[in-house]
Amino acid sequence: MKLTPLYDRVVVKMVEVEETTKSGIILTASAKEKPQVAEVIAVGDGSAHDGGDNVKVFVKPGDKVIVSKYAGTEVKLDGEEFIVVNMGDILAIVG
């Protein structure tokens, strides 16, 4: 099944955080922070949904981005977890 975002929304998949720190300390599940780096899976066309100006979509599928910590709506599809965020919730492109 394909997930296609509408308007200025972007579908991302969070990148797994490392289990071990650089110094070799293994992190437990409770010690890990929610990851903020995600891979862009699909993007909307940037059209306005409230009659305003169109929003420029700066990302494309495959880009690694940083998203706001508690942004978006979590969606589970075919056993995979995705997050649908607004373009404004993407803070930076990594790389």
N, C-alpha and C. Protein backbone atom coordinates (compact mmCIF):
# COMPACT_ATOMS: atom_id res chain seq x y z
N MET A 1 0.84 -1.17 0.00
CA MET A 1 0.00 0.00 0.00
C MET A 1 0.89 1.25 0.00
N LYS A 2 0.48 2.26 -0.72
CA LYS A 2 1.26 3.48 -0.86
C LYS A 2 0.64 4.59 -0.02
N LEU A 3 1.48 5.38 0.62
CA LEU A 3 1.04 6.50 1.45
C LEU A 3 1.44 7.79 0.74
N THR A 4 0.45 8.57 0.30
CA THR A 4 0.71 9.81 -0.43
C THR A 4 0.20 10.99 0.39
N PRO A 5 1.10 11.87 0.83
CA PRO A 5 0.67 13.01 1.63
C PRO A 5 -0.01 14.08 0.76
N LEU A 6 -0.87 14.84 1.39
CA LEU A 6 -1.57 15.92 0.70
C LEU A 6 -1.00 17.27 1.10
N TYR A 7 -1.19 18.25 0.24
CA TYR A 7 -0.82 19.65 0.50
C TYR A 7 0.66 19.80 0.86
N ASP A 8 0.93 20.41 2.02
CA ASP A 8 2.31 20.68 2.43
C ASP A 8 2.82 19.66 3.45
N ARG A 9 2.27 18.45 3.40
CA ARG A 9 2.68 17.43 4.37
C ARG A 9 3.76 16.53 3.79
N VAL A 10 4.53 15.93 4.69
CA VAL A 10 5.66 15.07 4.31
C VAL A 10 5.58 13.80 5.15
N VAL A 11 5.75 12.65 4.51
CA VAL A 11 5.80 11.37 5.22
C VAL A 11 7.27 11.04 5.48
N VAL A 12 7.60 10.79 6.75
CA VAL A 12 8.97 10.46 7.13
C VAL A 12 8.98 9.16 7.92
N LYS A 13 10.15 8.53 7.92
CA LYS A 13 10.36 7.33 8.74
C LYS A 13 11.55 7.63 9.61
N MET A 14 11.38 7.49 10.91
CA MET A 14 12.45 7.81 11.85
C MET A 14 13.63 6.86 11.66
N VAL A 15 14.83 7.41 11.76
CA VAL A 15 16.07 6.63 11.65
C VAL A 15 16.37 6.07 13.03
N GLU A 16 16.70 4.79 13.07
CA GLU A 16 16.98 4.14 14.35
C GLU A 16 18.18 4.79 15.03
N VAL A 17 18.05 5.03 16.32
CA VAL A 17 19.13 5.60 17.10
C VAL A 17 20.09 4.48 17.51
N GLU A 18 21.37 4.80 17.63
CA GLU A 18 22.36 3.79 18.00
C GLU A 18 22.11 3.26 19.41
N GLU A 19 22.36 1.99 19.59
CA GLU A 19 22.17 1.34 20.88
C GLU A 19 23.33 1.58 21.84
N THR A 20 24.49 1.95 21.29
CA THR A 20 25.70 2.12 22.09
C THR A 20 26.27 3.52 21.88
N THR A 21 26.73 4.15 22.95
CA THR A 21 27.36 5.47 22.83
C THR A 21 28.75 5.31 22.23
N LYS A 22 29.38 6.42 21.84
CA LYS A 22 30.73 6.36 21.26
C LYS A 22 31.74 5.78 22.23
N SER A 23 31.50 5.95 23.54
CA SER A 23 32.44 5.42 24.53
C SER A 23 32.16 3.95 24.87
N GLY A 24 31.14 3.35 24.22
CA GLY A 24 30.88 1.93 24.42
C GLY A 24 29.80 1.61 25.44
N ILE A 25 29.12 2.62 25.97
CA ILE A 25 28.06 2.38 26.95
C ILE A 25 26.79 1.96 26.21
N ILE A 26 26.21 0.85 26.64
CA ILE A 26 24.97 0.37 26.02
C ILE A 26 23.79 1.05 26.70
N LEU A 27 22.90 1.63 25.87
CA LEU A 27 21.74 2.34 26.39
C LEU A 27 20.54 1.42 26.54
N THR A 28 19.82 1.57 27.63
CA THR A 28 18.57 0.83 27.80
C THR A 28 17.47 1.60 27.07
N ALA A 29 16.34 0.96 26.86
CA ALA A 29 15.24 1.61 26.15
C ALA A 29 14.77 2.87 26.84
N SER A 30 14.79 2.90 28.17
CA SER A 30 14.32 4.07 28.90
C SER A 30 15.32 5.23 28.84
N ALA A 31 16.59 4.95 28.55
CA ALA A 31 17.61 5.99 28.51
C ALA A 31 17.69 6.67 27.14
N LYS A 32 17.07 6.07 26.15
CA LYS A 32 17.15 6.62 24.80
C LYS A 32 16.17 7.77 24.64
N GLU A 33 16.61 8.77 23.90
CA GLU A 33 15.71 9.87 23.55
C GLU A 33 14.99 9.51 22.26
N LYS A 34 13.84 10.11 22.05
CA LYS A 34 13.13 9.92 20.81
C LYS A 34 13.99 10.49 19.68
N PRO A 35 14.24 9.71 18.62
CA PRO A 35 15.09 10.22 17.55
C PRO A 35 14.43 11.39 16.84
N GLN A 36 15.25 12.30 16.33
CA GLN A 36 14.73 13.44 15.61
C GLN A 36 15.16 13.42 14.15
N VAL A 37 16.04 12.49 13.78
CA VAL A 37 16.48 12.38 12.40
C VAL A 37 15.58 11.37 11.70
N ALA A 38 15.10 11.76 10.53
CA ALA A 38 14.18 10.90 9.78
C ALA A 38 14.54 10.91 8.31
N GLU A 39 14.09 9.89 7.60
CA GLU A 39 14.25 9.83 6.16
C GLU A 39 12.93 10.20 5.52
N VAL A 40 12.97 11.07 4.51
CA VAL A 40 11.76 11.46 3.79
C VAL A 40 11.34 10.32 2.88
N ILE A 41 10.09 9.91 3.00
CA ILE A 41 9.54 8.83 2.19
C ILE A 41 8.72 9.38 1.02
N ALA A 42 7.88 10.38 1.30
CA ALA A 42 7.03 10.97 0.26
C ALA A 42 6.71 12.41 0.65
N VAL A 43 6.45 13.25 -0.36
CA VAL A 43 6.11 14.65 -0.11
C VAL A 43 4.83 15.02 -0.85
N GLY A 44 4.08 15.97 -0.27
CA GLY A 44 2.90 16.49 -0.92
C GLY A 44 3.29 17.47 -2.01
N ASP A 45 2.29 18.00 -2.71
CA ASP A 45 2.58 18.90 -3.83
C ASP A 45 2.79 20.35 -3.42
N GLY A 46 2.63 20.66 -2.13
CA GLY A 46 2.86 22.01 -1.66
C GLY A 46 1.69 22.96 -1.85
N SER A 47 0.57 22.45 -2.31
CA SER A 47 -0.58 23.32 -2.52
C SER A 47 -1.17 23.77 -1.18
N ALA A 48 -1.86 24.88 -1.21
CA ALA A 48 -2.47 25.42 0.01
C ALA A 48 -3.82 24.76 0.25
N HIS A 49 -4.08 24.39 1.51
CA HIS A 49 -5.35 23.75 1.83
C HIS A 49 -6.33 24.72 2.46
N ASP A 50 -5.93 25.96 2.69
CA ASP A 50 -6.85 26.93 3.29
C ASP A 50 -7.07 28.14 2.38
N GLY A 51 -6.72 27.99 1.11
CA GLY A 51 -6.91 29.09 0.18
C GLY A 51 -5.79 30.10 0.17
N GLY A 52 -4.75 29.88 0.98
CA GLY A 52 -3.62 30.81 1.05
C GLY A 52 -2.60 30.53 -0.04
N ASP A 53 -1.41 31.07 0.15
CA ASP A 53 -0.33 30.86 -0.80
C ASP A 53 0.19 29.43 -0.72
N ASN A 54 0.68 28.94 -1.85
CA ASN A 54 1.29 27.61 -1.86
C ASN A 54 2.57 27.61 -1.03
N VAL A 55 2.87 26.46 -0.43
CA VAL A 55 4.05 26.30 0.40
C VAL A 55 5.11 25.60 -0.43
N LYS A 56 6.32 26.15 -0.45
CA LYS A 56 7.40 25.51 -1.20
C LYS A 56 7.89 24.29 -0.40
N VAL A 57 7.95 23.16 -1.06
CA VAL A 57 8.44 21.93 -0.44
C VAL A 57 9.93 21.83 -0.76
N PHE A 58 10.77 21.90 0.26
CA PHE A 58 12.22 21.94 0.09
C PHE A 58 12.88 20.57 0.12
N VAL A 59 12.14 19.52 0.44
CA VAL A 59 12.73 18.20 0.59
C VAL A 59 12.21 17.26 -0.49
N LYS A 60 12.94 16.16 -0.67
CA LYS A 60 12.53 15.15 -1.65
C LYS A 60 12.73 13.77 -1.02
N PRO A 61 12.07 12.75 -1.53
CA PRO A 61 12.24 11.41 -0.98
C PRO A 61 13.71 11.01 -0.95
N GLY A 62 14.13 10.42 0.16
CA GLY A 62 15.51 9.99 0.35
C GLY A 62 16.33 10.95 1.19
N ASP A 63 15.88 12.22 1.32
CA ASP A 63 16.59 13.19 2.15
C ASP A 63 16.52 12.77 3.62
N LYS A 64 17.59 13.05 4.36
CA LYS A 64 17.59 12.88 5.82
C LYS A 64 17.31 14.26 6.40
N VAL A 65 16.36 14.34 7.32
CA VAL A 65 15.93 15.62 7.89
C VAL A 65 15.84 15.53 9.40
N ILE A 66 15.83 16.69 10.03
CA ILE A 66 15.57 16.78 11.47
C ILE A 66 14.16 17.35 11.62
N VAL A 67 13.33 16.65 12.39
CA VAL A 67 11.96 17.10 12.61
C VAL A 67 11.79 17.53 14.06
N SER A 68 10.81 18.38 14.30
CA SER A 68 10.50 18.80 15.66
C SER A 68 10.21 17.58 16.51
N LYS A 69 10.60 17.63 17.76
CA LYS A 69 10.56 16.46 18.65
C LYS A 69 9.18 15.81 18.76
N TYR A 70 8.13 16.59 18.90
CA TYR A 70 6.80 15.99 19.10
C TYR A 70 5.86 16.31 17.95
N ALA A 71 6.40 16.48 16.76
CA ALA A 71 5.60 16.85 15.60
C ALA A 71 4.96 15.64 14.94
N GLY A 72 3.90 15.90 14.22
CA GLY A 72 3.31 14.92 13.32
C GLY A 72 2.34 13.95 13.92
N THR A 73 1.84 13.12 13.02
CA THR A 73 0.88 12.07 13.36
C THR A 73 1.49 10.73 12.99
N GLU A 74 1.56 9.84 13.97
CA GLU A 74 2.14 8.52 13.73
C GLU A 74 1.14 7.64 13.00
N VAL A 75 1.64 6.91 12.00
CA VAL A 75 0.82 6.03 11.17
C VAL A 75 1.53 4.70 11.04
N LYS A 76 0.80 3.61 11.22
CA LYS A 76 1.37 2.28 11.03
C LYS A 76 0.72 1.68 9.79
N LEU A 77 1.56 1.29 8.81
CA LEU A 77 1.05 0.80 7.55
C LEU A 77 1.90 -0.39 7.11
N ASP A 78 1.26 -1.52 6.88
CA ASP A 78 1.95 -2.74 6.46
C ASP A 78 3.10 -3.10 7.41
N GLY A 79 2.89 -2.90 8.71
CA GLY A 79 3.87 -3.27 9.71
C GLY A 79 5.00 -2.27 9.90
N GLU A 80 4.99 -1.17 9.17
CA GLU A 80 6.02 -0.14 9.31
C GLU A 80 5.41 1.11 9.92
N GLU A 81 6.23 1.83 10.69
CA GLU A 81 5.76 3.06 11.33
C GLU A 81 6.28 4.29 10.59
N PHE A 82 5.37 5.19 10.28
CA PHE A 82 5.69 6.44 9.61
C PHE A 82 5.13 7.59 10.42
N ILE A 83 5.61 8.80 10.13
CA ILE A 83 5.06 10.00 10.74
C ILE A 83 4.74 10.97 9.61
N VAL A 84 3.54 11.53 9.64
CA VAL A 84 3.15 12.55 8.67
C VAL A 84 3.29 13.90 9.36
N VAL A 85 4.19 14.75 8.84
CA VAL A 85 4.46 16.05 9.44
C VAL A 85 4.15 17.15 8.44
N ASN A 86 3.92 18.34 8.94
CA ASN A 86 3.79 19.52 8.09
C ASN A 86 5.18 19.95 7.67
N MET A 87 5.29 20.59 6.51
CA MET A 87 6.58 21.07 6.02
C MET A 87 7.25 21.96 7.08
N GLY A 88 6.47 22.74 7.81
CA GLY A 88 7.01 23.63 8.82
C GLY A 88 7.62 22.93 10.02
N ASP A 89 7.33 21.63 10.19
CA ASP A 89 7.89 20.86 11.30
C ASP A 89 9.27 20.29 10.97
N ILE A 90 9.70 20.45 9.72
CA ILE A 90 11.04 20.01 9.32
C ILE A 90 11.98 21.17 9.56
N LEU A 91 12.97 20.95 10.43
CA LEU A 91 13.86 22.02 10.86
C LEU A 91 15.10 22.16 9.99
N ALA A 92 15.62 21.04 9.46
CA ALA A 92 16.86 21.10 8.69
C ALA A 92 17.00 19.84 7.85
N ILE A 93 17.82 19.95 6.81
CA ILE A 93 18.21 18.81 6.01
C ILE A 93 19.61 18.40 6.47
N VAL A 94 19.80 17.10 6.73
CA VAL A 94 21.08 16.59 7.22
C VAL A 94 21.92 16.16 6.01
N GLY A 95 23.19 16.58 6.01
CA GLY A 95 24.08 16.10 4.96
C GLY A 95 24.64 17.13 4.16
